[in-house]
Amino acid sequence: MTTVNDFSQRLDMEFGLMPTAIHDRQTVLEREYHERQERVAALYAPALAQLRVLWEPRRDALLARFEDMIHVMSAAQDDFGPVAFSIDSPLARIILRFTFSHDPDVRSMILEYYLEVVPILMKIDNHSTLELQLQNFDQEVAALWLEDRIVSFIRTFVELNENQYYLKDHMVEDTIAKVRMPRSIATESIEWDGHKYYFICADTRLEFERRHGSVN
């Protein structure tokens, strides 16, 4: 049977290995850190520059289509981080986000798309992720993903503006044409007798004014 003294010696031996183990772990962590930094410079930064070239004209095309309805919430920084847009709509709060980053080991580019619609009254494509290897970064796949996500957002926006659940509190009637429509697509309106009336075109507005004797 071993003695307590023998056991103590075993403990001392095991504890004696601890500084070496700690030093070895520190060495590994430091080496891995420097290797990641090298991959950031050699792989991630060039891939990010390629992605920026793909992203900016497609972003500008989106902004041009929505004009004053879309607002950039956070512009890309030097590291080309998250980009967010808010879209004006009387029907819902709409936030569109894109993020561009790398995985923890700096071997992949991660592109993410988020669409937030509040309230959510219909099924939407609200999240998508694309992961591409930094080595031989595939620009064609990245460009197609960006385009598909932007098109998906536009389809969702159009469907939202046609959805009966979103429109039910925003419907108006052209009393001349006897047509109900979303308030947002009425081209003409007029105040009369304490009420606001909406019309599908100038002709029905003029007919309304003629019938009510309000033509100047």
N, C-alpha and C. Protein backbone atom coordinates (compact mmCIF):
# COMPACT_ATOMS: atom_id res chain seq x y z
N MET A 1 0.86 -1.20 0.00
CA MET A 1 0.00 0.00 0.00
C MET A 1 0.89 1.24 0.00
N THR A 2 0.52 2.21 -0.82
CA THR A 2 1.29 3.46 -0.86
C THR A 2 1.02 4.28 0.38
N THR A 3 1.98 5.13 0.67
CA THR A 3 1.83 6.01 1.82
C THR A 3 1.32 7.36 1.38
N VAL A 4 0.91 8.15 2.34
CA VAL A 4 0.47 9.51 2.05
C VAL A 4 1.61 10.31 1.43
N ASN A 5 2.83 10.01 1.88
CA ASN A 5 4.00 10.70 1.32
C ASN A 5 4.15 10.38 -0.17
N ASP A 6 3.93 9.12 -0.55
CA ASP A 6 3.98 8.75 -1.96
C ASP A 6 2.91 9.50 -2.76
N PHE A 7 1.71 9.56 -2.16
CA PHE A 7 0.60 10.27 -2.84
C PHE A 7 0.93 11.75 -3.01
N SER A 8 1.51 12.35 -1.99
CA SER A 8 1.89 13.77 -2.07
C SER A 8 2.91 14.00 -3.17
N GLN A 9 3.85 13.07 -3.32
CA GLN A 9 4.84 13.20 -4.38
C GLN A 9 4.20 13.13 -5.76
N ARG A 10 3.20 12.25 -5.88
CA ARG A 10 2.47 12.18 -7.17
C ARG A 10 1.76 13.49 -7.48
N LEU A 11 1.12 14.05 -6.45
CA LEU A 11 0.44 15.33 -6.65
C LEU A 11 1.42 16.41 -7.06
N ASP A 12 2.60 16.43 -6.36
CA ASP A 12 3.61 17.45 -6.70
C ASP A 12 4.08 17.30 -8.14
N MET A 13 4.20 16.06 -8.61
CA MET A 13 4.64 15.82 -9.96
C MET A 13 3.62 16.34 -10.98
N GLU A 14 2.35 16.05 -10.71
CA GLU A 14 1.30 16.50 -11.62
C GLU A 14 1.21 18.03 -11.64
N PHE A 15 1.26 18.62 -10.45
CA PHE A 15 1.21 20.08 -10.39
C PHE A 15 2.45 20.70 -11.04
N GLY A 16 3.56 19.98 -10.97
CA GLY A 16 4.77 20.48 -11.59
C GLY A 16 4.67 20.58 -13.10
N LEU A 17 3.76 19.81 -13.68
CA LEU A 17 3.56 19.86 -15.13
C LEU A 17 2.70 21.04 -15.56
N MET A 18 1.99 21.65 -14.60
CA MET A 18 1.04 22.70 -14.94
C MET A 18 1.69 23.90 -15.63
N PRO A 19 2.80 24.44 -15.12
CA PRO A 19 3.40 25.60 -15.81
C PRO A 19 3.75 25.29 -17.26
N THR A 20 4.23 24.06 -17.50
CA THR A 20 4.57 23.68 -18.88
C THR A 20 3.32 23.62 -19.74
N ALA A 21 2.26 23.06 -19.19
CA ALA A 21 0.99 22.96 -19.93
C ALA A 21 0.44 24.35 -20.24
N ILE A 22 0.50 25.23 -19.25
CA ILE A 22 0.01 26.60 -19.45
C ILE A 22 0.84 27.29 -20.51
N HIS A 23 2.14 27.13 -20.44
CA HIS A 23 3.02 27.79 -21.43
C HIS A 23 2.75 27.24 -22.83
N ASP A 24 2.58 25.92 -22.92
CA ASP A 24 2.30 25.32 -24.23
C ASP A 24 0.99 25.84 -24.79
N ARG A 25 -0.02 25.97 -23.93
CA ARG A 25 -1.32 26.48 -24.39
C ARG A 25 -1.22 27.92 -24.82
N GLN A 26 -0.48 28.71 -24.06
CA GLN A 26 -0.28 30.12 -24.44
C GLN A 26 0.42 30.22 -25.78
N THR A 27 1.39 29.36 -26.00
CA THR A 27 2.13 29.36 -27.26
C THR A 27 1.20 29.03 -28.44
N VAL A 28 0.33 28.03 -28.23
CA VAL A 28 -0.61 27.64 -29.29
C VAL A 28 -1.59 28.78 -29.58
N LEU A 29 -2.12 29.39 -28.53
CA LEU A 29 -3.09 30.47 -28.73
C LEU A 29 -2.46 31.65 -29.45
N GLU A 30 -1.23 31.98 -29.07
CA GLU A 30 -0.55 33.10 -29.72
C GLU A 30 -0.28 32.78 -31.19
N ARG A 31 0.16 31.55 -31.46
CA ARG A 31 0.41 31.18 -32.85
C ARG A 31 -0.87 31.22 -33.68
N GLU A 32 -1.96 30.68 -33.11
CA GLU A 32 -3.23 30.68 -33.84
C GLU A 32 -3.71 32.10 -34.09
N TYR A 33 -3.51 32.99 -33.13
CA TYR A 33 -3.91 34.39 -33.31
C TYR A 33 -3.16 35.01 -34.48
N HIS A 34 -1.86 34.83 -34.51
CA HIS A 34 -1.06 35.42 -35.59
C HIS A 34 -1.41 34.79 -36.94
N GLU A 35 -1.74 33.50 -36.93
CA GLU A 35 -2.15 32.86 -38.18
C GLU A 35 -3.47 33.44 -38.68
N ARG A 36 -4.40 33.70 -37.75
CA ARG A 36 -5.67 34.32 -38.14
C ARG A 36 -5.44 35.72 -38.69
N GLN A 37 -4.57 36.48 -38.04
CA GLN A 37 -4.27 37.82 -38.52
C GLN A 37 -3.65 37.78 -39.91
N GLU A 38 -2.82 36.79 -40.14
CA GLU A 38 -2.22 36.65 -41.47
C GLU A 38 -3.29 36.33 -42.51
N ARG A 39 -4.27 35.49 -42.14
CA ARG A 39 -5.35 35.17 -43.08
C ARG A 39 -6.27 36.37 -43.31
N VAL A 40 -6.44 37.20 -42.28
CA VAL A 40 -7.22 38.43 -42.47
C VAL A 40 -6.58 39.27 -43.56
N ALA A 41 -5.27 39.44 -43.48
CA ALA A 41 -4.57 40.28 -44.45
C ALA A 41 -4.47 39.62 -45.83
N ALA A 42 -4.20 38.32 -45.83
CA ALA A 42 -3.93 37.65 -47.09
C ALA A 42 -5.19 37.18 -47.81
N LEU A 43 -6.25 36.86 -47.06
CA LEU A 43 -7.45 36.28 -47.66
C LEU A 43 -8.70 37.13 -47.47
N TYR A 44 -8.97 37.53 -46.21
CA TYR A 44 -10.23 38.21 -45.93
C TYR A 44 -10.27 39.61 -46.53
N ALA A 45 -9.22 40.39 -46.33
CA ALA A 45 -9.23 41.76 -46.85
C ALA A 45 -9.40 41.80 -48.37
N PRO A 46 -8.67 40.98 -49.15
CA PRO A 46 -8.91 40.99 -50.60
C PRO A 46 -10.32 40.53 -50.98
N ALA A 47 -10.84 39.51 -50.29
CA ALA A 47 -12.20 39.05 -50.59
C ALA A 47 -13.22 40.13 -50.26
N LEU A 48 -13.00 40.84 -49.15
CA LEU A 48 -13.93 41.90 -48.76
C LEU A 48 -13.90 43.04 -49.78
N ALA A 49 -12.73 43.33 -50.30
CA ALA A 49 -12.63 44.37 -51.33
C ALA A 49 -13.39 43.95 -52.59
N GLN A 50 -13.30 42.68 -52.95
CA GLN A 50 -14.06 42.18 -54.10
C GLN A 50 -15.56 42.26 -53.83
N LEU A 51 -15.95 41.91 -52.61
CA LEU A 51 -17.38 41.96 -52.25
C LEU A 51 -17.89 43.40 -52.29
N ARG A 52 -17.10 44.35 -51.84
CA ARG A 52 -17.52 45.75 -51.86
C ARG A 52 -17.82 46.20 -53.29
N VAL A 53 -16.97 45.78 -54.23
CA VAL A 53 -17.18 46.13 -55.63
C VAL A 53 -18.49 45.55 -56.15
N LEU A 54 -18.84 44.35 -55.69
CA LEU A 54 -20.10 43.73 -56.08
C LEU A 54 -21.29 44.41 -55.42
N TRP A 55 -21.15 44.75 -54.14
CA TRP A 55 -22.25 45.25 -53.34
C TRP A 55 -22.65 46.67 -53.71
N GLU A 56 -21.72 47.56 -53.87
CA GLU A 56 -22.06 48.99 -53.97
C GLU A 56 -22.97 49.31 -55.16
N PRO A 57 -22.71 48.81 -56.38
CA PRO A 57 -23.64 49.14 -57.47
C PRO A 57 -25.02 48.51 -57.30
N ARG A 58 -25.08 47.37 -56.66
CA ARG A 58 -26.38 46.73 -56.41
C ARG A 58 -27.13 47.47 -55.31
N ARG A 59 -26.41 47.93 -54.30
CA ARG A 59 -27.03 48.78 -53.28
C ARG A 59 -27.57 50.05 -53.91
N ASP A 60 -26.79 50.68 -54.78
CA ASP A 60 -27.22 51.92 -55.40
C ASP A 60 -28.44 51.70 -56.29
N ALA A 61 -28.50 50.55 -56.95
CA ALA A 61 -29.68 50.25 -57.77
C ALA A 61 -30.93 50.13 -56.91
N LEU A 62 -30.78 49.51 -55.73
CA LEU A 62 -31.91 49.41 -54.80
C LEU A 62 -32.34 50.79 -54.33
N LEU A 63 -31.39 51.61 -53.92
CA LEU A 63 -31.71 52.96 -53.44
C LEU A 63 -32.39 53.77 -54.53
N ALA A 64 -31.95 53.62 -55.77
CA ALA A 64 -32.54 54.39 -56.87
C ALA A 64 -33.99 54.01 -57.10
N ARG A 65 -34.34 52.72 -56.91
CA ARG A 65 -35.71 52.29 -57.14
C ARG A 65 -36.66 52.85 -56.08
N PHE A 66 -36.19 52.94 -54.84
CA PHE A 66 -37.06 53.40 -53.76
C PHE A 66 -36.96 54.90 -53.52
N GLU A 67 -35.93 55.54 -54.05
CA GLU A 67 -35.74 56.99 -53.95
C GLU A 67 -35.92 57.47 -52.51
N ASP A 68 -36.90 58.35 -52.27
CA ASP A 68 -37.04 58.97 -50.94
C ASP A 68 -37.68 58.05 -49.91
N MET A 69 -38.10 56.86 -50.33
CA MET A 69 -38.76 55.94 -49.39
C MET A 69 -37.78 55.16 -48.53
N ILE A 70 -36.52 55.09 -48.95
CA ILE A 70 -35.55 54.25 -48.26
C ILE A 70 -34.46 55.12 -47.64
N HIS A 71 -34.05 54.75 -46.43
CA HIS A 71 -33.06 55.54 -45.69
C HIS A 71 -31.97 54.62 -45.16
N VAL A 72 -30.73 55.02 -45.37
CA VAL A 72 -29.61 54.25 -44.85
C VAL A 72 -29.49 54.52 -43.36
N MET A 73 -29.58 53.46 -42.56
CA MET A 73 -29.49 53.59 -41.11
C MET A 73 -28.06 53.53 -40.62
N SER A 74 -27.25 52.69 -41.26
CA SER A 74 -25.85 52.57 -40.86
C SER A 74 -25.01 52.32 -42.09
N ALA A 75 -24.18 53.27 -42.42
CA ALA A 75 -23.34 53.13 -43.61
C ALA A 75 -22.20 52.17 -43.33
N ALA A 76 -21.65 51.62 -44.39
CA ALA A 76 -20.51 50.73 -44.23
C ALA A 76 -19.32 51.47 -43.67
N GLN A 77 -18.67 50.88 -42.69
CA GLN A 77 -17.48 51.46 -42.09
C GLN A 77 -16.25 50.94 -42.84
N ASP A 78 -15.07 51.29 -42.33
CA ASP A 78 -13.84 50.85 -42.97
C ASP A 78 -13.75 49.33 -43.06
N ASP A 79 -14.32 48.63 -42.07
CA ASP A 79 -14.29 47.17 -42.09
C ASP A 79 -15.46 46.58 -42.85
N PHE A 80 -16.28 47.45 -43.47
CA PHE A 80 -17.40 46.99 -44.30
C PHE A 80 -18.30 46.08 -43.48
N GLY A 81 -18.81 46.62 -42.40
CA GLY A 81 -19.62 45.84 -41.48
C GLY A 81 -21.09 45.84 -41.86
N PRO A 82 -22.00 45.85 -40.87
CA PRO A 82 -23.43 45.77 -41.17
C PRO A 82 -23.95 47.03 -41.85
N VAL A 83 -24.88 46.82 -42.77
CA VAL A 83 -25.56 47.91 -43.46
C VAL A 83 -27.05 47.72 -43.28
N ALA A 84 -27.75 48.76 -42.85
CA ALA A 84 -29.19 48.64 -42.59
C ALA A 84 -29.94 49.76 -43.28
N PHE A 85 -31.16 49.44 -43.71
CA PHE A 85 -32.04 50.40 -44.37
C PHE A 85 -33.40 50.37 -43.70
N SER A 86 -34.01 51.52 -43.55
CA SER A 86 -35.41 51.59 -43.14
C SER A 86 -36.23 52.05 -44.35
N ILE A 87 -37.40 51.48 -44.50
CA ILE A 87 -38.24 51.77 -45.65
C ILE A 87 -39.54 52.38 -45.16
N ASP A 88 -39.88 53.55 -45.70
CA ASP A 88 -41.12 54.22 -45.31
C ASP A 88 -42.33 53.43 -45.80
N SER A 89 -43.23 53.15 -44.90
CA SER A 89 -44.48 52.49 -45.26
C SER A 89 -45.51 52.77 -44.19
N PRO A 90 -46.73 53.14 -44.58
CA PRO A 90 -47.79 53.33 -43.59
C PRO A 90 -48.33 52.00 -43.07
N LEU A 91 -47.93 50.90 -43.69
CA LEU A 91 -48.50 49.60 -43.35
C LEU A 91 -47.71 48.85 -42.28
N ALA A 92 -46.40 49.07 -42.23
CA ALA A 92 -45.57 48.31 -41.30
C ALA A 92 -44.22 49.00 -41.12
N ARG A 93 -43.53 48.60 -40.05
CA ARG A 93 -42.15 49.04 -39.87
C ARG A 93 -41.25 48.03 -40.58
N ILE A 94 -40.44 48.51 -41.51
CA ILE A 94 -39.64 47.61 -42.34
C ILE A 94 -38.16 47.98 -42.22
N ILE A 95 -37.36 47.01 -41.80
CA ILE A 95 -35.92 47.19 -41.67
C ILE A 95 -35.23 46.09 -42.48
N LEU A 96 -34.33 46.50 -43.36
CA LEU A 96 -33.56 45.56 -44.18
C LEU A 96 -32.10 45.65 -43.78
N ARG A 97 -31.47 44.51 -43.50
CA ARG A 97 -30.08 44.50 -43.06
C ARG A 97 -29.25 43.50 -43.86
N PHE A 98 -28.01 43.90 -44.14
CA PHE A 98 -27.01 43.00 -44.69
C PHE A 98 -25.78 43.07 -43.79
N THR A 99 -25.18 41.91 -43.49
CA THR A 99 -23.94 41.90 -42.75
C THR A 99 -22.91 41.07 -43.51
N PHE A 100 -21.65 41.49 -43.41
CA PHE A 100 -20.55 40.83 -44.10
C PHE A 100 -19.43 40.62 -43.07
N SER A 101 -19.04 39.38 -42.84
CA SER A 101 -18.04 39.10 -41.82
C SER A 101 -17.30 37.81 -42.18
N HIS A 102 -16.41 37.38 -41.30
CA HIS A 102 -15.71 36.11 -41.50
C HIS A 102 -16.00 35.17 -40.33
N ASP A 103 -15.74 33.91 -40.52
CA ASP A 103 -15.92 32.93 -39.46
C ASP A 103 -14.80 33.09 -38.42
N PRO A 104 -14.92 32.47 -37.24
CA PRO A 104 -13.91 32.67 -36.19
C PRO A 104 -12.50 32.29 -36.61
N ASP A 105 -12.39 31.31 -37.50
CA ASP A 105 -11.06 30.85 -37.91
C ASP A 105 -10.53 31.61 -39.13
N VAL A 106 -11.31 32.55 -39.64
CA VAL A 106 -10.94 33.37 -40.81
C VAL A 106 -10.60 32.49 -42.00
N ARG A 107 -11.53 31.61 -42.33
CA ARG A 107 -11.38 30.79 -43.53
C ARG A 107 -12.56 30.96 -44.48
N SER A 108 -13.65 31.56 -43.98
CA SER A 108 -14.85 31.73 -44.79
C SER A 108 -15.37 33.15 -44.68
N MET A 109 -16.01 33.62 -45.75
CA MET A 109 -16.76 34.87 -45.75
C MET A 109 -18.22 34.52 -45.47
N ILE A 110 -18.83 35.25 -44.55
CA ILE A 110 -20.24 34.99 -44.20
C ILE A 110 -21.06 36.22 -44.56
N LEU A 111 -22.03 36.04 -45.45
CA LEU A 111 -22.95 37.09 -45.85
C LEU A 111 -24.32 36.75 -45.26
N GLU A 112 -24.94 37.72 -44.61
CA GLU A 112 -26.25 37.47 -44.01
C GLU A 112 -27.24 38.57 -44.39
N TYR A 113 -28.48 38.14 -44.55
CA TYR A 113 -29.60 39.02 -44.92
C TYR A 113 -30.68 38.86 -43.87
N TYR A 114 -31.18 40.00 -43.39
CA TYR A 114 -32.28 40.00 -42.42
C TYR A 114 -33.35 40.98 -42.89
N LEU A 115 -34.59 40.56 -42.82
CA LEU A 115 -35.70 41.46 -43.12
C LEU A 115 -36.66 41.45 -41.93
N GLU A 116 -36.86 42.61 -41.35
CA GLU A 116 -37.75 42.74 -40.20
C GLU A 116 -38.99 43.52 -40.62
N VAL A 117 -40.15 42.91 -40.44
CA VAL A 117 -41.43 43.55 -40.76
C VAL A 117 -42.31 43.45 -39.52
N VAL A 118 -42.75 44.59 -39.02
CA VAL A 118 -43.61 44.63 -37.82
C VAL A 118 -44.82 45.50 -38.09
N PRO A 119 -46.05 44.98 -37.95
CA PRO A 119 -46.37 43.61 -37.55
C PRO A 119 -46.15 42.62 -38.68
N ILE A 120 -45.98 41.36 -38.32
CA ILE A 120 -45.79 40.33 -39.33
C ILE A 120 -47.12 39.60 -39.53
N LEU A 121 -47.73 39.83 -40.68
CA LEU A 121 -49.07 39.29 -40.95
C LEU A 121 -49.07 38.35 -42.15
N MET A 122 -47.89 38.03 -42.67
CA MET A 122 -47.81 37.11 -43.79
C MET A 122 -46.44 36.44 -43.76
N LYS A 123 -46.31 35.35 -44.49
CA LYS A 123 -45.05 34.63 -44.54
C LYS A 123 -44.05 35.40 -45.38
N ILE A 124 -42.83 35.59 -44.85
CA ILE A 124 -41.81 36.32 -45.59
C ILE A 124 -40.48 35.57 -45.51
N ASP A 125 -39.62 35.84 -46.46
CA ASP A 125 -38.24 35.34 -46.44
C ASP A 125 -37.44 36.34 -45.62
N ASN A 126 -37.27 36.06 -44.33
CA ASN A 126 -36.70 37.07 -43.44
C ASN A 126 -35.24 36.87 -43.09
N HIS A 127 -34.64 35.75 -43.52
CA HIS A 127 -33.23 35.54 -43.19
C HIS A 127 -32.59 34.58 -44.19
N SER A 128 -31.36 34.90 -44.55
CA SER A 128 -30.60 34.02 -45.44
C SER A 128 -29.12 34.20 -45.14
N THR A 129 -28.37 33.11 -45.25
CA THR A 129 -26.93 33.14 -45.00
C THR A 129 -26.20 32.46 -46.15
N LEU A 130 -25.11 33.08 -46.56
CA LEU A 130 -24.22 32.47 -47.56
C LEU A 130 -22.82 32.43 -46.98
N GLU A 131 -22.19 31.25 -47.02
CA GLU A 131 -20.82 31.10 -46.54
C GLU A 131 -19.93 30.67 -47.71
N LEU A 132 -18.91 31.45 -47.96
CA LEU A 132 -18.00 31.19 -49.08
C LEU A 132 -16.57 31.07 -48.56
N GLN A 133 -15.82 30.16 -49.14
CA GLN A 133 -14.42 30.04 -48.77
C GLN A 133 -13.65 31.28 -49.20
N LEU A 134 -12.79 31.76 -48.32
CA LEU A 134 -11.97 32.93 -48.66
C LEU A 134 -10.95 32.58 -49.74
N GLN A 135 -10.42 31.37 -49.66
CA GLN A 135 -9.50 30.93 -50.70
C GLN A 135 -10.29 30.77 -52.00
N ASN A 136 -9.87 31.44 -53.05
CA ASN A 136 -10.58 31.42 -54.33
C ASN A 136 -12.02 31.91 -54.15
N PHE A 137 -12.18 33.09 -53.57
CA PHE A 137 -13.49 33.68 -53.30
C PHE A 137 -14.33 33.73 -54.58
N ASP A 138 -15.54 33.17 -54.52
CA ASP A 138 -16.40 33.05 -55.70
C ASP A 138 -17.27 34.30 -55.85
N GLN A 139 -16.82 35.23 -56.66
CA GLN A 139 -17.54 36.49 -56.84
C GLN A 139 -18.90 36.28 -57.52
N GLU A 140 -18.96 35.33 -58.45
CA GLU A 140 -20.22 35.10 -59.17
C GLU A 140 -21.32 34.63 -58.23
N VAL A 141 -20.98 33.71 -57.35
CA VAL A 141 -21.96 33.22 -56.38
C VAL A 141 -22.38 34.33 -55.42
N ALA A 142 -21.42 35.13 -54.98
CA ALA A 142 -21.73 36.24 -54.07
C ALA A 142 -22.65 37.26 -54.74
N ALA A 143 -22.36 37.60 -55.99
CA ALA A 143 -23.19 38.58 -56.71
C ALA A 143 -24.61 38.07 -56.90
N LEU A 144 -24.75 36.79 -57.25
CA LEU A 144 -26.08 36.22 -57.46
C LEU A 144 -26.86 36.20 -56.15
N TRP A 145 -26.19 35.87 -55.03
CA TRP A 145 -26.85 35.86 -53.73
C TRP A 145 -27.35 37.25 -53.37
N LEU A 146 -26.51 38.27 -53.56
CA LEU A 146 -26.92 39.65 -53.27
C LEU A 146 -28.14 40.04 -54.11
N GLU A 147 -28.10 39.73 -55.39
CA GLU A 147 -29.21 40.09 -56.28
C GLU A 147 -30.49 39.35 -55.88
N ASP A 148 -30.37 38.07 -55.56
CA ASP A 148 -31.55 37.28 -55.18
C ASP A 148 -32.17 37.81 -53.89
N ARG A 149 -31.33 38.23 -52.95
CA ARG A 149 -31.85 38.76 -51.69
C ARG A 149 -32.56 40.09 -51.92
N ILE A 150 -32.00 40.95 -52.74
CA ILE A 150 -32.63 42.24 -53.01
C ILE A 150 -33.96 42.03 -53.74
N VAL A 151 -33.96 41.13 -54.72
CA VAL A 151 -35.21 40.83 -55.44
C VAL A 151 -36.24 40.24 -54.49
N SER A 152 -35.80 39.36 -53.59
CA SER A 152 -36.72 38.77 -52.60
C SER A 152 -37.34 39.86 -51.73
N PHE A 153 -36.53 40.82 -51.32
CA PHE A 153 -37.06 41.93 -50.52
C PHE A 153 -38.11 42.71 -51.30
N ILE A 154 -37.83 43.03 -52.55
CA ILE A 154 -38.78 43.81 -53.35
C ILE A 154 -40.09 43.04 -53.54
N ARG A 155 -39.98 41.74 -53.78
CA ARG A 155 -41.20 40.93 -53.91
C ARG A 155 -42.02 40.97 -52.63
N THR A 156 -41.33 40.86 -51.50
CA THR A 156 -42.04 40.93 -50.22
C THR A 156 -42.72 42.28 -50.04
N PHE A 157 -42.02 43.35 -50.40
CA PHE A 157 -42.58 44.69 -50.26
C PHE A 157 -43.82 44.85 -51.13
N VAL A 158 -43.77 44.36 -52.36
CA VAL A 158 -44.92 44.44 -53.26
C VAL A 158 -46.09 43.62 -52.71
N GLU A 159 -45.80 42.40 -52.25
CA GLU A 159 -46.86 41.55 -51.71
C GLU A 159 -47.48 42.18 -50.46
N LEU A 160 -46.66 42.80 -49.64
CA LEU A 160 -47.17 43.46 -48.44
C LEU A 160 -48.17 44.55 -48.81
N ASN A 161 -47.87 45.29 -49.87
CA ASN A 161 -48.73 46.39 -50.28
C ASN A 161 -49.97 45.93 -51.03
N GLU A 162 -50.07 44.61 -51.24
CA GLU A 162 -51.28 44.04 -51.84
C GLU A 162 -52.02 43.13 -50.87
N ASN A 163 -51.47 42.95 -49.68
CA ASN A 163 -52.02 42.00 -48.73
C ASN A 163 -53.21 42.60 -47.99
N GLN A 164 -54.33 41.87 -47.98
CA GLN A 164 -55.57 42.40 -47.41
C GLN A 164 -55.45 42.67 -45.91
N TYR A 165 -54.61 41.90 -45.21
CA TYR A 165 -54.48 42.09 -43.78
C TYR A 165 -53.76 43.40 -43.44
N TYR A 166 -52.79 43.77 -44.28
CA TYR A 166 -52.11 45.04 -44.08
C TYR A 166 -52.95 46.22 -44.56
N LEU A 167 -53.76 45.98 -45.59
CA LEU A 167 -54.48 47.08 -46.22
C LEU A 167 -55.84 47.38 -45.59
N LYS A 168 -56.33 46.50 -44.73
CA LYS A 168 -57.72 46.63 -44.28
C LYS A 168 -58.02 47.97 -43.61
N ASP A 169 -57.04 48.56 -42.96
CA ASP A 169 -57.26 49.86 -42.31
C ASP A 169 -56.81 51.02 -43.19
N HIS A 170 -56.44 50.72 -44.43
CA HIS A 170 -55.92 51.76 -45.33
C HIS A 170 -56.68 51.81 -46.65
N MET A 171 -57.88 51.21 -46.67
CA MET A 171 -58.67 51.21 -47.89
C MET A 171 -59.59 52.42 -47.93
N VAL A 172 -59.71 53.00 -49.12
CA VAL A 172 -60.61 54.13 -49.34
C VAL A 172 -61.44 53.84 -50.60
N GLU A 173 -62.49 54.64 -50.79
CA GLU A 173 -63.35 54.42 -51.96
C GLU A 173 -63.43 55.68 -52.80
N ASP A 174 -63.27 55.48 -54.09
CA ASP A 174 -63.57 56.54 -55.05
C ASP A 174 -65.08 56.48 -55.25
N THR A 175 -65.79 57.48 -54.70
CA THR A 175 -67.25 57.43 -54.71
C THR A 175 -67.85 57.63 -56.10
N ILE A 176 -67.05 58.14 -57.00
CA ILE A 176 -67.52 58.30 -58.38
C ILE A 176 -67.33 57.02 -59.17
N ALA A 177 -66.12 56.45 -59.08
CA ALA A 177 -65.84 55.22 -59.83
C ALA A 177 -66.39 53.99 -59.12
N LYS A 178 -66.79 54.13 -57.85
CA LYS A 178 -67.28 53.01 -57.05
C LYS A 178 -66.21 51.92 -56.94
N VAL A 179 -64.99 52.36 -56.68
CA VAL A 179 -63.86 51.43 -56.58
C VAL A 179 -63.17 51.64 -55.24
N ARG A 180 -62.90 50.52 -54.56
CA ARG A 180 -62.11 50.59 -53.34
C ARG A 180 -60.64 50.32 -53.68
N MET A 181 -59.76 51.03 -52.97
CA MET A 181 -58.33 50.94 -53.29
C MET A 181 -57.53 51.32 -52.05
N PRO A 182 -56.25 50.92 -52.01
CA PRO A 182 -55.38 51.40 -50.93
C PRO A 182 -55.21 52.92 -51.03
N ARG A 183 -55.24 53.59 -49.90
CA ARG A 183 -55.08 55.04 -49.90
C ARG A 183 -53.79 55.47 -50.62
N SER A 184 -52.76 54.65 -50.51
CA SER A 184 -51.46 55.02 -51.06
C SER A 184 -51.45 55.10 -52.58
N ILE A 185 -52.41 54.46 -53.26
CA ILE A 185 -52.38 54.52 -54.73
C ILE A 185 -53.41 55.51 -55.29
N ALA A 186 -54.17 56.17 -54.43
CA ALA A 186 -55.08 57.23 -54.92
C ALA A 186 -54.24 58.37 -55.49
N THR A 187 -54.58 58.81 -56.68
CA THR A 187 -53.80 59.87 -57.32
C THR A 187 -54.34 61.26 -57.03
N GLU A 188 -55.60 61.33 -56.55
CA GLU A 188 -56.22 62.62 -56.28
C GLU A 188 -56.99 62.54 -54.97
N SER A 189 -57.11 63.70 -54.31
CA SER A 189 -57.92 63.77 -53.10
C SER A 189 -58.47 65.19 -52.95
N ILE A 190 -59.52 65.31 -52.14
CA ILE A 190 -60.12 66.63 -51.94
C ILE A 190 -60.82 66.65 -50.58
N GLU A 191 -60.79 67.79 -49.93
CA GLU A 191 -61.52 67.98 -48.68
C GLU A 191 -62.88 68.60 -49.02
N TRP A 192 -63.94 68.00 -48.51
CA TRP A 192 -65.28 68.55 -48.77
C TRP A 192 -66.19 68.22 -47.61
N ASP A 193 -66.85 69.22 -47.09
CA ASP A 193 -67.83 69.07 -46.02
C ASP A 193 -67.24 68.33 -44.81
N GLY A 194 -65.98 68.64 -44.49
CA GLY A 194 -65.35 68.05 -43.31
C GLY A 194 -64.80 66.65 -43.51
N HIS A 195 -64.82 66.15 -44.73
CA HIS A 195 -64.31 64.81 -45.00
C HIS A 195 -63.31 64.87 -46.14
N LYS A 196 -62.40 63.89 -46.16
CA LYS A 196 -61.44 63.79 -47.25
C LYS A 196 -61.85 62.66 -48.17
N TYR A 197 -61.91 62.94 -49.46
CA TYR A 197 -62.30 61.96 -50.46
C TYR A 197 -61.11 61.68 -51.37
N TYR A 198 -61.05 60.41 -51.80
CA TYR A 198 -59.93 59.98 -52.63
C TYR A 198 -60.43 59.50 -53.98
N PHE A 199 -59.57 59.64 -55.00
CA PHE A 199 -59.98 59.33 -56.37
C PHE A 199 -58.87 58.61 -57.11
N ILE A 200 -59.29 57.78 -58.08
CA ILE A 200 -58.32 57.02 -58.86
C ILE A 200 -57.67 57.86 -59.95
N CYS A 201 -58.30 58.98 -60.31
CA CYS A 201 -57.72 59.85 -61.34
C CYS A 201 -58.35 61.24 -61.25
N ALA A 202 -57.80 62.16 -62.02
CA ALA A 202 -58.30 63.53 -62.01
C ALA A 202 -59.73 63.61 -62.53
N ASP A 203 -60.10 62.73 -63.46
CA ASP A 203 -61.44 62.77 -64.04
C ASP A 203 -62.51 62.52 -62.98
N THR A 204 -62.29 61.55 -62.10
CA THR A 204 -63.31 61.28 -61.08
C THR A 204 -63.34 62.40 -60.03
N ARG A 205 -62.18 62.99 -59.77
CA ARG A 205 -62.17 64.14 -58.84
C ARG A 205 -62.97 65.30 -59.43
N LEU A 206 -62.78 65.59 -60.71
CA LEU A 206 -63.49 66.68 -61.34
C LEU A 206 -65.00 66.41 -61.37
N GLU A 207 -65.37 65.15 -61.60
CA GLU A 207 -66.79 64.80 -61.61
C GLU A 207 -67.38 64.98 -60.21
N PHE A 208 -66.63 64.63 -59.18
CA PHE A 208 -67.08 64.83 -57.81
C PHE A 208 -67.30 66.32 -57.56
N GLU A 209 -66.34 67.13 -57.96
CA GLU A 209 -66.47 68.59 -57.77
C GLU A 209 -67.66 69.15 -58.53
N ARG A 210 -67.90 68.62 -59.73
CA ARG A 210 -69.02 69.12 -60.52
C ARG A 210 -70.35 68.78 -59.83
N ARG A 211 -70.46 67.56 -59.33
CA ARG A 211 -71.69 67.15 -58.68
C ARG A 211 -71.96 67.91 -57.40
N HIS A 212 -70.89 68.31 -56.72
CA HIS A 212 -71.06 69.01 -55.44
C HIS A 212 -70.87 70.49 -55.57
N GLY A 213 -70.81 70.95 -56.81
CA GLY A 213 -70.72 72.41 -57.02
C GLY A 213 -69.48 73.04 -56.44
N SER A 214 -68.36 72.29 -56.40
CA SER A 214 -67.17 72.85 -55.78
C SER A 214 -66.08 73.16 -56.79
N VAL A 215 -66.44 73.18 -58.09
CA VAL A 215 -65.45 73.55 -59.11
C VAL A 215 -65.25 75.05 -59.08
N ASN A 216 -63.98 75.47 -58.97
CA ASN A 216 -63.70 76.92 -58.95
C ASN A 216 -63.86 77.53 -60.32
